[in-house]
């Protein structure tokens, strides 16, 4: 896989691919809706994580960290 990765999640994967493999990822994406100003699952489901981060000016490293925490069952990451 290319791009930055967290637990098999690559920044080159689409949101749909990530959520189909890791159901917990949806809660992470929902937390980023306010920062993005849109429902990411509604507007960017077929975009890669890299595209979403660039388009909505989100921190790709932070998203991957949050996804990693969710996938490992680490609960809710801080909202910083």
Protein backbone atom coordinates (compact mmCIF):
# COMPACT_ATOMS: atom_id res chain seq x y z
CA UNK A 1 0.00 0.00 0.00
CA UNK A 2 1.17 3.47 -0.71
CA UNK A 3 0.68 6.52 1.44
CA UNK A 4 0.86 6.80 5.18
CA UNK A 5 -0.63 3.84 7.02
CA UNK A 6 -2.23 2.96 10.35
CA UNK A 7 -3.20 -0.65 11.10
CA UNK A 8 -3.56 -1.55 7.43
CA UNK A 9 -5.33 1.74 6.71
CA UNK A 10 -3.60 3.64 3.96
CA UNK A 11 -4.09 7.29 3.08
CA UNK A 12 -4.57 6.08 -0.50
CA UNK A 13 -7.72 4.12 0.46
CA UNK A 14 -11.19 5.57 -0.07
CA UNK A 15 -13.40 6.31 2.92
CA UNK A 16 -15.72 3.55 1.70
CA UNK A 17 -12.87 1.01 1.65
CA UNK A 18 -11.80 1.99 5.14
CA UNK A 19 -15.32 1.81 6.58
CA UNK A 20 -16.06 -1.51 4.90
CA UNK A 21 -13.00 -3.04 6.59
CA UNK A 22 -13.19 -1.16 9.88
CA UNK A 23 -16.74 -0.25 10.91
CA UNK A 24 -15.36 1.83 13.80
CA UNK A 25 -13.90 4.26 11.27
CA UNK A 26 -17.30 5.83 10.66
CA UNK A 27 -17.28 7.43 14.13
CA UNK A 28 -13.87 8.93 13.39
CA UNK A 29 -15.09 10.41 10.11
CA UNK A 30 -18.22 11.77 11.82
CA UNK A 31 -16.02 13.66 14.30
CA UNK A 32 -14.26 15.37 11.38
CA UNK A 33 -17.53 16.54 9.78
CA UNK A 34 -17.58 19.81 11.71
CA UNK A 35 -13.93 20.59 10.89
CA UNK A 36 -14.56 19.81 7.21
CA UNK A 37 -17.85 21.69 7.13
CA UNK A 38 -19.60 18.78 5.38
CA UNK A 39 -20.70 15.24 6.08
CA UNK A 40 -17.60 13.37 4.91
CA UNK A 41 -19.47 10.07 4.57
CA UNK A 42 -22.04 11.84 2.37
CA UNK A 43 -19.77 14.04 0.27
CA UNK A 44 -16.44 12.20 0.11
CA UNK A 45 -17.22 8.48 0.39
CA UNK A 46 -15.39 7.65 -2.85
CA UNK A 47 -12.42 9.98 -2.22
CA UNK A 48 -9.14 8.77 -0.80
CA UNK A 49 -8.11 9.81 2.67
CA UNK A 50 -5.36 11.95 1.09
CA UNK A 51 -7.90 13.70 -1.14
CA UNK A 52 -10.22 14.35 1.80
CA UNK A 53 -7.40 15.75 3.93
CA UNK A 54 -6.26 18.05 1.13
CA UNK A 55 -9.72 19.17 0.06
CA UNK A 56 -10.94 19.98 3.56
CA UNK A 57 -7.57 21.05 5.02
CA UNK A 58 -7.45 18.27 7.60
CA UNK A 59 -4.33 16.84 9.26
CA UNK A 60 -3.73 13.45 7.59
CA UNK A 61 -1.43 12.32 10.39
CA UNK A 62 -4.06 13.10 13.00
CA UNK A 63 -6.79 11.31 11.04
CA UNK A 64 -4.63 8.20 10.73
CA UNK A 65 -3.81 8.37 14.43
CA UNK A 66 -7.53 8.65 15.29
CA UNK A 67 -8.38 5.76 12.95
CA UNK A 68 -5.63 3.67 14.50
CA UNK A 69 -7.00 4.35 17.99
CA UNK A 70 -10.55 3.48 16.94
CA UNK A 71 -9.55 0.28 15.13
CA UNK A 72 -7.57 -0.92 18.12
CA UNK A 73 -10.52 -0.26 20.39
CA UNK A 74 -8.79 2.58 22.19
CA UNK A 75 -11.95 4.65 22.55
CA UNK A 76 -12.49 8.23 21.53
CA UNK A 77 -9.36 10.28 20.75
CA UNK A 78 -9.03 13.80 22.09
CA UNK A 79 -10.74 16.52 20.08
CA UNK A 80 -7.65 18.73 19.84
